[in-house]
């Protein structure tokens, strides 16, 4: 799982555009994308960060799974998932490179560029 800012600004006509963040979840064995969630950094970046645990919980509920382990490449996401990990009893792991997630993320970023 990774949390990152997308390079393409979005916004409705007549409003100030913003750069959304994305939570990208990929199954570690197959590389199948399990979910993507766009997060709007409003009213603040801190408020958006506060929404991450609930967003991840909703994504997992929609998939009908509680993983034993969630590996993330973002130190920020690692910290944000700590309360959820305690509640759902999964083990968060931090790894700078996720071999199955990286190609999906790169493909998405190339498409948006």
PDB file of N, CA and C in Angstrom:
ATOM      1  N   UNK A   1       0.849  -1.164   0.000  1.00  0.00           N
ATOM      2  CA  UNK A   1       0.000   0.000   0.000  1.00  0.00           C
ATOM      3  C   UNK A   1       0.899   1.233   0.000  1.00  0.00           C
ATOM      4  N   UNK A   2       0.468   2.254  -0.732  1.00  0.00           N
ATOM      5  CA  UNK A   2       1.236   3.497  -0.774  1.00  0.00           C
ATOM      6  C   UNK A   2       0.276   4.677  -0.752  1.00  0.00           C
ATOM      7  N   UNK A   3       0.768   5.775  -0.239  1.00  0.00           N
ATOM      8  CA  UNK A   3       0.055   7.050  -0.223  1.00  0.00           C
ATOM      9  C   UNK A   3       0.953   8.057  -0.909  1.00  0.00           C
ATOM     10  N   UNK A   4       0.440   8.688  -1.975  1.00  0.00           N
ATOM     11  CA  UNK A   4       1.267   9.622  -2.729  1.00  0.00           C
ATOM     12  C   UNK A   4       0.394  10.665  -3.413  1.00  0.00           C
ATOM     13  N   UNK A   5       1.020  11.796  -3.735  1.00  0.00           N
ATOM     14  CA  UNK A   5       0.321  12.873  -4.420  1.00  0.00           C
ATOM     15  C   UNK A   5       0.363  12.612  -5.927  1.00  0.00           C
ATOM     16  N   UNK A   6      -0.764  12.807  -6.579  1.00  0.00           N
ATOM     17  CA  UNK A   6      -0.825  12.666  -8.028  1.00  0.00           C
ATOM     18  C   UNK A   6      -0.299  13.941  -8.688  1.00  0.00           C
ATOM     19  N   UNK A   7       0.340  13.806  -9.841  1.00  0.00           N
ATOM     20  CA  UNK A   7       0.950  14.964 -10.489  1.00  0.00           C
ATOM     21  C   UNK A   7      -0.008  15.814 -11.315  1.00  0.00           C
ATOM     22  N   UNK A   8      -1.270  15.452 -11.355  1.00  0.00           N
ATOM     23  CA  UNK A   8      -2.238  16.168 -12.181  1.00  0.00           C
ATOM     24  C   UNK A   8      -3.246  16.911 -11.308  1.00  0.00           C
ATOM     25  N   UNK A   9      -3.314  18.236 -11.433  1.00  0.00           N
ATOM     26  CA  UNK A   9      -4.288  18.977 -10.631  1.00  0.00           C
ATOM     27  C   UNK A   9      -5.710  18.706 -11.115  1.00  0.00           C
ATOM     28  N   UNK A  10      -6.656  18.741 -10.172  1.00  0.00           N
ATOM     29  CA  UNK A  10      -8.068  18.564 -10.507  1.00  0.00           C
ATOM     30  C   UNK A  10      -8.869  19.666  -9.828  1.00  0.00           C
ATOM     31  N   UNK A  11     -10.051  19.868 -10.311  1.00  0.00           N
ATOM     32  CA  UNK A  11     -10.937  20.871  -9.716  1.00  0.00           C
ATOM     33  C   UNK A  11     -12.033  21.235 -10.674  1.00  0.00           C
ATOM     34  N   UNK A  12     -13.142  21.666 -10.125  1.00  0.00           N
ATOM     35  CA  UNK A  12     -14.263  22.088 -10.947  1.00  0.00           C
ATOM     36  C   UNK A  12     -13.980  23.457 -11.542  1.00  0.00           C
ATOM     37  N   UNK A  13     -14.576  23.700 -12.679  1.00  0.00           N
ATOM     38  CA  UNK A  13     -14.418  24.983 -13.359  1.00  0.00           C
ATOM     39  C   UNK A  13     -14.796  26.122 -12.398  1.00  0.00           C
ATOM     40  N   UNK A  14     -13.930  27.112 -12.354  1.00  0.00           N
ATOM     41  CA  UNK A  14     -14.188  28.266 -11.505  1.00  0.00           C
ATOM     42  C   UNK A  14     -13.696  28.116 -10.075  1.00  0.00           C
ATOM     43  N   UNK A  15     -13.127  26.952  -9.748  1.00  0.00           N
ATOM     44  CA  UNK A  15     -12.574  26.753  -8.411  1.00  0.00           C
ATOM     45  C   UNK A  15     -11.067  26.551  -8.509  1.00  0.00           C
ATOM     46  N   UNK A  16     -10.425  26.751  -7.397  1.00  0.00           N
ATOM     47  CA  UNK A  16      -8.977  26.572  -7.361  1.00  0.00           C
ATOM     48  C   UNK A  16      -8.648  25.079  -7.456  1.00  0.00           C
ATOM     49  N   UNK A  17      -7.798  24.686  -8.405  1.00  0.00           N
ATOM     50  CA  UNK A  17      -7.451  23.266  -8.529  1.00  0.00           C
ATOM     51  C   UNK A  17      -6.560  22.822  -7.357  1.00  0.00           C
ATOM     52  N   UNK A  18      -6.534  21.522  -7.134  1.00  0.00           N
ATOM     53  CA  UNK A  18      -5.693  20.937  -6.093  1.00  0.00           C
ATOM     54  C   UNK A  18      -5.070  19.657  -6.624  1.00  0.00           C
ATOM     55  N   UNK A  19      -4.037  19.206  -5.957  1.00  0.00           N
ATOM     56  CA  UNK A  19      -3.388  17.956  -6.308  1.00  0.00           C
ATOM     57  C   UNK A  19      -3.902  16.877  -5.354  1.00  0.00           C
ATOM     58  N   UNK A  20      -4.677  15.915  -5.852  1.00  0.00           N
ATOM     59  CA  UNK A  20      -5.196  14.873  -4.975  1.00  0.00           C
ATOM     60  C   UNK A  20      -4.092  13.902  -4.568  1.00  0.00           C
ATOM     61  N   UNK A  21      -4.312  13.245  -3.475  1.00  0.00           N
ATOM     62  CA  UNK A  21      -3.444  12.158  -3.036  1.00  0.00           C
ATOM     63  C   UNK A  21      -4.177  10.859  -3.317  1.00  0.00           C
ATOM     64  N   UNK A  22      -3.422   9.788  -3.432  1.00  0.00           N
ATOM     65  CA  UNK A  22      -4.023   8.494  -3.716  1.00  0.00           C
ATOM     66  C   UNK A  22      -3.486   7.456  -2.751  1.00  0.00           C
ATOM     67  N   UNK A  23      -4.390   6.608  -2.294  1.00  0.00           N
ATOM     68  CA  UNK A  23      -3.999   5.387  -1.603  1.00  0.00           C
ATOM     69  C   UNK A  23      -4.128   4.276  -2.639  1.00  0.00           C
ATOM     70  N   UNK A  24      -3.029   3.613  -2.920  1.00  0.00           N
ATOM     71  CA  UNK A  24      -2.996   2.522  -3.890  1.00  0.00           C
ATOM     72  C   UNK A  24      -2.700   1.237  -3.136  1.00  0.00           C
ATOM     73  N   UNK A  25      -3.574   0.253  -3.284  1.00  0.00           N
ATOM     74  CA  UNK A  25      -3.415  -1.040  -2.622  1.00  0.00           C
ATOM     75  C   UNK A  25      -3.248  -2.121  -3.676  1.00  0.00           C
ATOM     76  N   UNK A  26      -2.194  -2.913  -3.505  1.00  0.00           N
ATOM     77  CA  UNK A  26      -1.874  -3.971  -4.462  1.00  0.00           C
ATOM     78  C   UNK A  26      -1.619  -5.261  -3.693  1.00  0.00           C
ATOM     79  N   UNK A  27      -2.133  -6.371  -4.197  1.00  0.00           N
ATOM     80  CA  UNK A  27      -1.904  -7.674  -3.576  1.00  0.00           C
ATOM     81  C   UNK A  27      -0.451  -8.073  -3.809  1.00  0.00           C
ATOM     82  N   UNK A  28       0.242  -8.452  -2.762  1.00  0.00           N
ATOM     83  CA  UNK A  28       1.690  -8.662  -2.806  1.00  0.00           C
ATOM     84  C   UNK A  28       2.119  -9.838  -3.686  1.00  0.00           C
ATOM     85  N   UNK A  29       1.330 -10.891  -3.758  1.00  0.00           N
ATOM     86  CA  UNK A  29       1.738 -12.062  -4.532  1.00  0.00           C
ATOM     87  C   UNK A  29       1.470 -11.900  -6.028  1.00  0.00           C
ATOM     88  N   UNK A  30       0.272 -11.437  -6.367  1.00  0.00           N
ATOM     89  CA  UNK A  30      -0.119 -11.380  -7.779  1.00  0.00           C
ATOM     90  C   UNK A  30       0.145 -10.029  -8.440  1.00  0.00           C
ATOM     91  N   UNK A  31       0.222  -8.973  -7.653  1.00  0.00           N
ATOM     92  CA  UNK A  31       0.358  -7.637  -8.211  1.00  0.00           C
ATOM     93  C   UNK A  31      -0.967  -7.032  -8.640  1.00  0.00           C
ATOM     94  N   UNK A  32      -2.069  -7.711  -8.342  1.00  0.00           N
ATOM     95  CA  UNK A  32      -3.392  -7.210  -8.716  1.00  0.00           C
ATOM     96  C   UNK A  32      -3.734  -5.983  -7.869  1.00  0.00           C
ATOM     97  N   UNK A  33      -4.216  -4.948  -8.544  1.00  0.00           N
ATOM     98  CA  UNK A  33      -4.636  -3.744  -7.830  1.00  0.00           C
ATOM     99  C   UNK A  33      -5.939  -4.067  -7.092  1.00  0.00           C
ATOM    100  N   UNK A  34      -5.897  -3.879  -5.768  1.00  0.00           N
ATOM    101  CA  UNK A  34      -7.065  -4.159  -4.934  1.00  0.00           C
ATOM    102  C   UNK A  34      -7.935  -2.936  -4.745  1.00  0.00           C
ATOM    103  N   UNK A  35      -7.321  -1.766  -4.822  1.00  0.00           N
ATOM    104  CA  UNK A  35      -8.107  -0.568  -4.631  1.00  0.00           C
ATOM    105  C   UNK A  35      -7.309   0.699  -4.830  1.00  0.00           C
ATOM    106  N   UNK A  36      -8.031   1.729  -5.201  1.00  0.00           N
ATOM    107  CA  UNK A  36      -7.472   3.074  -5.306  1.00  0.00           C
ATOM    108  C   UNK A  36      -8.468   4.014  -4.648  1.00  0.00           C
ATOM    109  N   UNK A  37      -7.962   4.920  -3.884  1.00  0.00           N
ATOM    110  CA  UNK A  37      -8.813   5.915  -3.239  1.00  0.00           C
ATOM    111  C   UNK A  37      -8.179   7.283  -3.432  1.00  0.00           C
ATOM    112  N   UNK A  38      -8.947   8.215  -3.965  1.00  0.00           N
ATOM    113  CA  UNK A  38      -8.472   9.587  -4.104  1.00  0.00           C
ATOM    114  C   UNK A  38      -8.848  10.370  -2.859  1.00  0.00           C
ATOM    115  N   UNK A  39      -7.902  11.136  -2.371  1.00  0.00           N
ATOM    116  CA  UNK A  39      -8.115  11.950  -1.183  1.00  0.00           C
ATOM    117  C   UNK A  39      -7.873  13.408  -1.531  1.00  0.00           C
ATOM    118  N   UNK A  40      -8.822  14.233  -1.138  1.00  0.00           N
ATOM    119  CA  UNK A  40      -8.727  15.668  -1.399  1.00  0.00           C
ATOM    120  C   UNK A  40      -8.116  16.355  -0.177  1.00  0.00           C
ATOM    121  N   UNK A  41      -7.051  17.140  -0.368  1.00  0.00           N
ATOM    122  CA  UNK A  41      -6.380  17.774   0.766  1.00  0.00           C
ATOM    123  C   UNK A  41      -7.111  19.014   1.273  1.00  0.00           C
ATOM    124  N   UNK A  42      -8.401  18.851   1.576  1.00  0.00           N
ATOM    125  CA  UNK A  42      -9.183  19.971   2.097  1.00  0.00           C
ATOM    126  C   UNK A  42      -9.933  19.514   3.332  1.00  0.00           C
ATOM    127  N   UNK A  43     -10.153  20.321   4.281  1.00  0.00           N
ATOM    128  CA  UNK A  43      -9.784  21.729   4.344  1.00  0.00           C
ATOM    129  C   UNK A  43      -8.286  21.942   4.551  1.00  0.00           C
ATOM    130  N   UNK A  44      -7.574  20.843   4.913  1.00  0.00           N
ATOM    131  CA  UNK A  44      -6.127  20.950   5.078  1.00  0.00           C
ATOM    132  C   UNK A  44      -5.497  19.590   4.809  1.00  0.00           C
ATOM    133  N   UNK A  45      -4.197  19.608   4.634  1.00  0.00           N
ATOM    134  CA  UNK A  45      -3.453  18.365   4.441  1.00  0.00           C
ATOM    135  C   UNK A  45      -3.572  17.488   5.688  1.00  0.00           C
ATOM    136  N   UNK A  46      -3.525  18.100   6.859  1.00  0.00           N
ATOM    137  CA  UNK A  46      -3.638  17.345   8.106  1.00  0.00           C
ATOM    138  C   UNK A  46      -5.007  16.666   8.222  1.00  0.00           C
ATOM    139  N   UNK A  47      -6.061  17.350   7.802  1.00  0.00           N
ATOM    140  CA  UNK A  47      -7.398  16.760   7.821  1.00  0.00           C
ATOM    141  C   UNK A  47      -7.461  15.560   6.880  1.00  0.00           C
ATOM    142  N   UNK A  48      -6.825  15.687   5.721  1.00  0.00           N
ATOM    143  CA  UNK A  48      -6.793  14.571   4.782  1.00  0.00           C
ATOM    144  C   UNK A  48      -6.067  13.382   5.407  1.00  0.00           C
ATOM    145  N   UNK A  49      -4.921  13.646   6.027  1.00  0.00           N
ATOM    146  CA  UNK A  49      -4.178  12.565   6.683  1.00  0.00           C
ATOM    147  C   UNK A  49      -5.033  11.882   7.741  1.00  0.00           C
ATOM    148  N   UNK A  50      -5.824  12.673   8.469  1.00  0.00           N
ATOM    149  CA  UNK A  50      -6.700  12.113   9.487  1.00  0.00           C
ATOM    150  C   UNK A  50      -7.764  11.185   8.928  1.00  0.00           C
ATOM    151  N   UNK A  51      -8.093  11.349   7.643  1.00  0.00           N
ATOM    152  CA  UNK A  51      -9.110  10.507   7.015  1.00  0.00           C
ATOM    153  C   UNK A  51      -8.551   9.178   6.514  1.00  0.00           C
ATOM    154  N   UNK A  52      -7.242   9.030   6.512  1.00  0.00           N
ATOM    155  CA  UNK A  52      -6.621   7.837   5.929  1.00  0.00           C
ATOM    156  C   UNK A  52      -7.042   6.544   6.631  1.00  0.00           C
ATOM    157  N   UNK A  53      -6.999   6.439   7.973  1.00  0.00           N
ATOM    158  CA  UNK A  53      -7.390   5.162   8.590  1.00  0.00           C
ATOM    159  C   UNK A  53      -8.816   4.727   8.228  1.00  0.00           C
ATOM    160  N   UNK A  54      -9.763   5.651   8.260  1.00  0.00           N
ATOM    161  CA  UNK A  54     -11.136   5.295   7.907  1.00  0.00           C
ATOM    162  C   UNK A  54     -11.234   4.892   6.437  1.00  0.00           C
ATOM    163  N   UNK A  55     -10.536   5.597   5.575  1.00  0.00           N
ATOM    164  CA  UNK A  55     -10.552   5.273   4.145  1.00  0.00           C
ATOM    165  C   UNK A  55     -10.008   3.873   3.901  1.00  0.00           C
ATOM    166  N   UNK A  56      -8.911   3.533   4.563  1.00  0.00           N
ATOM    167  CA  UNK A  56      -8.327   2.193   4.419  1.00  0.00           C
ATOM    168  C   UNK A  56      -9.271   1.145   4.997  1.00  0.00           C
ATOM    169  N   UNK A  57      -9.878   1.430   6.140  1.00  0.00           N
ATOM    170  CA  UNK A  57     -10.834   0.489   6.739  1.00  0.00           C
ATOM    171  C   UNK A  57     -12.003   0.233   5.793  1.00  0.00           C
ATOM    172  N   UNK A  58     -12.505   1.292   5.157  1.00  0.00           N
ATOM    173  CA  UNK A  58     -13.613   1.135   4.211  1.00  0.00           C
ATOM    174  C   UNK A  58     -13.175   0.333   2.993  1.00  0.00           C
ATOM    175  N   UNK A  59     -11.953   0.558   2.542  1.00  0.00           N
ATOM    176  CA  UNK A  59     -11.442  -0.201   1.397  1.00  0.00           C
ATOM    177  C   UNK A  59     -11.350  -1.689   1.757  1.00  0.00           C
ATOM    178  N   UNK A  60     -10.817  -1.993   2.934  1.00  0.00           N
ATOM    179  CA  UNK A  60     -10.704  -3.395   3.360  1.00  0.00           C
ATOM    180  C   UNK A  60     -12.084  -4.028   3.543  1.00  0.00           C
ATOM    181  N   UNK A  61     -13.020  -3.273   4.112  1.00  0.00           N
ATOM    182  CA  UNK A  61     -14.383  -3.781   4.291  1.00  0.00           C
ATOM    183  C   UNK A  61     -15.026  -4.080   2.937  1.00  0.00           C
ATOM    184  N   UNK A  62     -14.801  -3.206   1.973  1.00  0.00           N
ATOM    185  CA  UNK A  62     -15.342  -3.424   0.633  1.00  0.00           C
ATOM    186  C   UNK A  62     -14.775  -4.669  -0.031  1.00  0.00           C
ATOM    187  N   UNK A  63     -13.538  -4.992   0.311  1.00  0.00           N
ATOM    188  CA  UNK A  63     -12.905  -6.202  -0.218  1.00  0.00           C
ATOM    189  C   UNK A  63     -13.288  -7.439   0.591  1.00  0.00           C
ATOM    190  N   UNK A  64     -13.812  -7.207   1.790  1.00  0.00           N
ATOM    191  CA  UNK A  64     -14.189  -8.315   2.654  1.00  0.00           C
ATOM    192  C   UNK A  64     -13.001  -9.030   3.262  1.00  0.00           C
ATOM    193  N   UNK A  65     -11.911  -8.287   3.515  1.00  0.00           N
ATOM    194  CA  UNK A  65     -10.706  -8.916   4.065  1.00  0.00           C
ATOM    195  C   UNK A  65     -10.153  -8.110   5.233  1.00  0.00           C
ATOM    196  N   UNK A  66      -9.461  -8.819   6.099  1.00  0.00           N
ATOM    197  CA  UNK A  66      -8.599  -8.194   7.099  1.00  0.00           C
ATOM    198  C   UNK A  66      -7.247  -8.881   6.920  1.00  0.00           C
ATOM    199  N   UNK A  67      -6.286  -8.172   6.350  1.00  0.00           N
ATOM    200  CA  UNK A  67      -4.991  -8.808   6.088  1.00  0.00           C
ATOM    201  C   UNK A  67      -4.233  -9.091   7.380  1.00  0.00           C
ATOM    202  N   UNK A  68      -3.319 -10.046   7.310  1.00  0.00           N
ATOM    203  CA  UNK A  68      -2.445 -10.321   8.444  1.00  0.00           C
ATOM    204  C   UNK A  68      -1.338  -9.284   8.516  1.00  0.00           C
ATOM    205  N   UNK A  69      -0.977  -8.773   7.341  1.00  0.00           N
ATOM    206  CA  UNK A  69       0.129  -7.820   7.242  1.00  0.00           C
ATOM    207  C   UNK A  69      -0.166  -6.823   6.134  1.00  0.00           C
ATOM    208  N   UNK A  70       0.216  -5.566   6.354  1.00  0.00           N
ATOM    209  CA  UNK A  70       0.115  -4.535   5.328  1.00  0.00           C
ATOM    210  C   UNK A  70       1.489  -3.891   5.224  1.00  0.00           C
ATOM    211  N   UNK A  71       2.103  -4.011   4.063  1.00  0.00           N
ATOM    212  CA  UNK A  71       3.411  -3.419   3.831  1.00  0.00           C
ATOM    213  C   UNK A  71       3.219  -2.120   3.078  1.00  0.00           C
ATOM    214  N   UNK A  72       3.850  -1.074   3.575  1.00  0.00           N
ATOM    215  CA  UNK A  72       3.717   0.252   2.985  1.00  0.00           C
ATOM    216  C   UNK A  72       5.105   0.804   2.666  1.00  0.00           C
ATOM    217  N   UNK A  73       5.173   1.687   1.677  1.00  0.00           N
ATOM    218  CA  UNK A  73       6.459   2.288   1.317  1.00  0.00           C
ATOM    219  C   UNK A  73       6.591   3.709   1.827  1.00  0.00           C
ATOM    220  N   UNK A  74       5.553   4.225   2.433  1.00  0.00           N
ATOM    221  CA  UNK A  74       5.540   5.595   2.938  1.00  0.00           C
ATOM    222  C   UNK A  74       5.604   5.588   4.464  1.00  0.00           C
ATOM    223  N   UNK A  75       6.591   6.296   5.012  1.00  0.00           N
ATOM    224  CA  UNK A  75       6.680   6.422   6.457  1.00  0.00           C
ATOM    225  C   UNK A  75       5.456   7.089   7.047  1.00  0.00           C
ATOM    226  N   UNK A  76       4.918   8.063   6.328  1.00  0.00           N
ATOM    227  CA  UNK A  76       3.707   8.745   6.781  1.00  0.00           C
ATOM    228  C   UNK A  76       2.540   7.766   6.853  1.00  0.00           C
ATOM    229  N   UNK A  77       2.349   6.973   5.800  1.00  0.00           N
ATOM    230  CA  UNK A  77       1.258   6.001   5.795  1.00  0.00           C
ATOM    231  C   UNK A  77       1.459   4.977   6.908  1.00  0.00           C
ATOM    232  N   UNK A  78       2.680   4.568   7.141  1.00  0.00           N
ATOM    233  CA  UNK A  78       2.990   3.643   8.228  1.00  0.00           C
ATOM    234  C   UNK A  78       2.490   4.203   9.562  1.00  0.00           C
ATOM    235  N   UNK A  79       2.773   5.471   9.813  1.00  0.00           N
ATOM    236  CA  UNK A  79       2.326   6.107  11.054  1.00  0.00           C
ATOM    237  C   UNK A  79       0.800   6.232  11.109  1.00  0.00           C
ATOM    238  N   UNK A  80       0.206   6.619   9.998  1.00  0.00           N
ATOM    239  CA  UNK A  80      -1.241   6.817   9.962  1.00  0.00           C
ATOM    240  C   UNK A  80      -2.024   5.524  10.172  1.00  0.00           C
ATOM    241  N   UNK A  81      -1.421   4.390   9.800  1.00  0.00           N
ATOM    242  CA  UNK A  81      -2.121   3.109   9.923  1.00  0.00           C
ATOM    243  C   UNK A  81      -1.977   2.461  11.297  1.00  0.00           C
ATOM    244  N   UNK A  82      -1.137   3.000  12.164  1.00  0.00           N
ATOM    245  CA  UNK A  82      -0.911   2.377  13.470  1.00  0.00           C
ATOM    246  C   UNK A  82      -2.203   2.154  14.260  1.00  0.00           C
ATOM    247  N   UNK A  83      -3.070   3.164  14.417  1.00  0.00           N
ATOM    248  CA  UNK A  83      -4.308   2.909  15.179  1.00  0.00           C
ATOM    249  C   UNK A  83      -5.195   1.834  14.542  1.00  0.00           C
ATOM    250  N   UNK A  84      -5.313   1.865  13.223  1.00  0.00           N
ATOM    251  CA  UNK A  84      -6.133   0.880  12.520  1.00  0.00           C
ATOM    252  C   UNK A  84      -5.536  -0.514  12.660  1.00  0.00           C
ATOM    253  N   UNK A  85      -4.225  -0.604  12.580  1.00  0.00           N
ATOM    254  CA  UNK A  85      -3.549  -1.897  12.724  1.00  0.00           C
ATOM    255  C   UNK A  85      -3.829  -2.500  14.091  1.00  0.00           C
ATOM    256  N   UNK A  86      -3.843  -1.667  15.124  1.00  0.00           N
ATOM    257  CA  UNK A  86      -4.159  -2.157  16.460  1.00  0.00           C
ATOM    258  C   UNK A  86      -5.589  -2.640  16.570  1.00  0.00           C
ATOM    259  N   UNK A  87      -6.505  -1.910  15.956  1.00  0.00           N
ATOM    260  CA  UNK A  87      -7.922  -2.264  16.012  1.00  0.00           C
ATOM    261  C   UNK A  87      -8.216  -3.536  15.222  1.00  0.00           C
ATOM    262  N   UNK A  88      -7.676  -3.624  14.000  1.00  0.00           N
ATOM    263  CA  UNK A  88      -7.959  -4.775  13.133  1.00  0.00           C
ATOM    264  C   UNK A  88      -6.966  -5.919  13.310  1.00  0.00           C
ATOM    265  N   UNK A  89      -5.942  -5.664  14.101  1.00  0.00           N
ATOM    266  CA  UNK A  89      -4.924  -6.673  14.409  1.00  0.00           C
ATOM    267  C   UNK A  89      -4.170  -7.168  13.183  1.00  0.00           C
ATOM    268  N   UNK A  90      -3.716  -6.226  12.361  1.00  0.00           N
ATOM    269  CA  UNK A  90      -2.782  -6.588  11.302  1.00  0.00           C
ATOM    270  C   UNK A  90      -1.439  -5.952  11.622  1.00  0.00           C
ATOM    271  N   UNK A  91      -0.410  -6.513  11.026  1.00  0.00           N
ATOM    272  CA  UNK A  91       0.945  -6.041  11.281  1.00  0.00           C
ATOM    273  C   UNK A  91       1.366  -5.085  10.169  1.00  0.00           C
ATOM    274  N   UNK A  92       1.610  -3.828  10.497  1.00  0.00           N
ATOM    275  CA  UNK A  92       2.120  -2.902   9.472  1.00  0.00           C
ATOM    276  C   UNK A  92       3.633  -3.081   9.310  1.00  0.00           C
ATOM    277  N   UNK A  93       4.079  -3.084   8.095  1.00  0.00           N
ATOM    278  CA  UNK A  93       5.502  -3.205   7.771  1.00  0.00           C
ATOM    279  C   UNK A  93       5.888  -2.029   6.889  1.00  0.00           C
ATOM    280  N   UNK A  94       7.097  -1.537   7.057  1.00  0.00           N
ATOM    281  CA  UNK A  94       7.607  -0.439   6.241  1.00  0.00           C
ATOM    282  C   UNK A  94       8.722  -0.970   5.361  1.00  0.00           C
ATOM    283  N   UNK A  95       8.599  -0.758   4.060  1.00  0.00           N
ATOM    284  CA  UNK A  95       9.607  -1.194   3.097  1.00  0.00           C
ATOM    285  C   UNK A  95       9.760  -0.114   2.039  1.00  0.00           C
ATOM    286  N   UNK A  96      11.005   0.298   1.735  1.00  0.00           N
ATOM    287  CA  UNK A  96      11.183   1.376   0.762  1.00  0.00           C
ATOM    288  C   UNK A  96      10.796   0.996  -0.665  1.00  0.00           C
ATOM    289  N   UNK A  97      10.756  -0.279  -0.968  1.00  0.00           N
ATOM    290  CA  UNK A  97      10.408  -0.701  -2.324  1.00  0.00           C
ATOM    291  C   UNK A  97       9.440  -1.867  -2.260  1.00  0.00           C
ATOM    292  N   UNK A  98       8.332  -1.735  -2.942  1.00  0.00           N
ATOM    293  CA  UNK A  98       7.339  -2.803  -3.022  1.00  0.00           C
ATOM    294  C   UNK A  98       7.301  -3.297  -4.465  1.00  0.00           C
ATOM    295  N   UNK A  99       7.890  -4.459  -4.732  1.00  0.00           N
ATOM    296  CA  UNK A  99       8.068  -4.905  -6.117  1.00  0.00           C
ATOM    297  C   UNK A  99       6.786  -5.088  -6.914  1.00  0.00           C
ATOM    298  N   UNK A 100       5.666  -5.374  -6.278  1.00  0.00           N
ATOM    299  CA  UNK A 100       4.399  -5.532  -7.013  1.00  0.00           C
ATOM    300  C   UNK A 100       3.655  -4.213  -7.141  1.00  0.00           C
ATOM    301  N   UNK A 101       3.811  -3.330  -6.164  1.00  0.00           N
ATOM    302  CA  UNK A 101       3.119  -2.050  -6.206  1.00  0.00           C
ATOM    303  C   UNK A 101       3.806  -1.070  -7.154  1.00  0.00           C
ATOM    304  N   UNK A 102       5.111  -1.082  -7.162  1.00  0.00           N
ATOM    305  CA  UNK A 102       5.867  -0.103  -7.942  1.00  0.00           C
ATOM    306  C   UNK A 102       5.465  -0.061  -9.427  1.00  0.00           C
ATOM    307  N   UNK A 103       5.359  -1.201 -10.122  1.00  0.00           N
ATOM    308  CA  UNK A 103       4.947  -1.134 -11.536  1.00  0.00           C
ATOM    309  C   UNK A 103       3.550  -0.539 -11.728  1.00  0.00           C
ATOM    310  N   UNK A 104       2.629  -0.858 -10.835  1.00  0.00           N
ATOM    311  CA  UNK A 104       1.273  -0.307 -10.951  1.00  0.00           C
ATOM    312  C   UNK A 104       1.299   1.204 -10.753  1.00  0.00           C
ATOM    313  N   UNK A 105       2.055   1.659  -9.784  1.00  0.00           N
ATOM    314  CA  UNK A 105       2.172   3.096  -9.513  1.00  0.00           C
ATOM    315  C   UNK A 105       2.836   3.816 -10.682  1.00  0.00           C
ATOM    316  N   UNK A 106       3.913   3.265 -11.194  1.00  0.00           N
ATOM    317  CA  UNK A 106       4.610   3.880 -12.325  1.00  0.00           C
ATOM    318  C   UNK A 106       3.717   3.953 -13.554  1.00  0.00           C
ATOM    319  N   UNK A 107       2.965   2.911 -13.809  1.00  0.00           N
ATOM    320  CA  UNK A 107       2.048   2.896 -14.951  1.00  0.00           C
ATOM    321  C   UNK A 107       0.998   3.994 -14.804  1.00  0.00           C
ATOM    322  N   UNK A 108       0.447   4.128 -13.619  1.00  0.00           N
ATOM    323  CA  UNK A 108      -0.554   5.147 -13.346  1.00  0.00           C
ATOM    324  C   UNK A 108       0.046   6.550 -13.532  1.00  0.00           C
ATOM    325  N   UNK A 109       1.224   6.779 -12.982  1.00  0.00           N
ATOM    326  CA  UNK A 109       1.852   8.081 -13.089  1.00  0.00           C
ATOM    327  C   UNK A 109       2.228   8.426 -14.529  1.00  0.00           C
ATOM    328  N   UNK A 110       2.671   7.442 -15.294  1.00  0.00           N
ATOM    329  CA  UNK A 110       2.974   7.672 -16.707  1.00  0.00           C
ATOM    330  C   UNK A 110       1.705   8.042 -17.476  1.00  0.00           C
ATOM    331  N   UNK A 111       0.612   7.383 -17.163  1.00  0.00           N
ATOM    332  CA  UNK A 111      -0.663   7.658 -17.821  1.00  0.00           C
ATOM    333  C   UNK A 111      -1.111   9.093 -17.539  1.00  0.00           C
ATOM    334  N   UNK A 112      -0.905   9.561 -16.315  1.00  0.00           N
ATOM    335  CA  UNK A 112      -1.343  10.893 -15.926  1.00  0.00           C
ATOM    336  C   UNK A 112      -0.413  12.008 -16.408  1.00  0.00           C
ATOM    337  N   UNK A 113       0.832  11.648 -16.742  1.00  0.00           N
ATOM    338  CA  UNK A 113       1.826  12.667 -17.133  1.00  0.00           C
ATOM    339  C   UNK A 113       1.633  13.190 -18.519  1.00  0.00           C
TER     340      UNK A 113
END
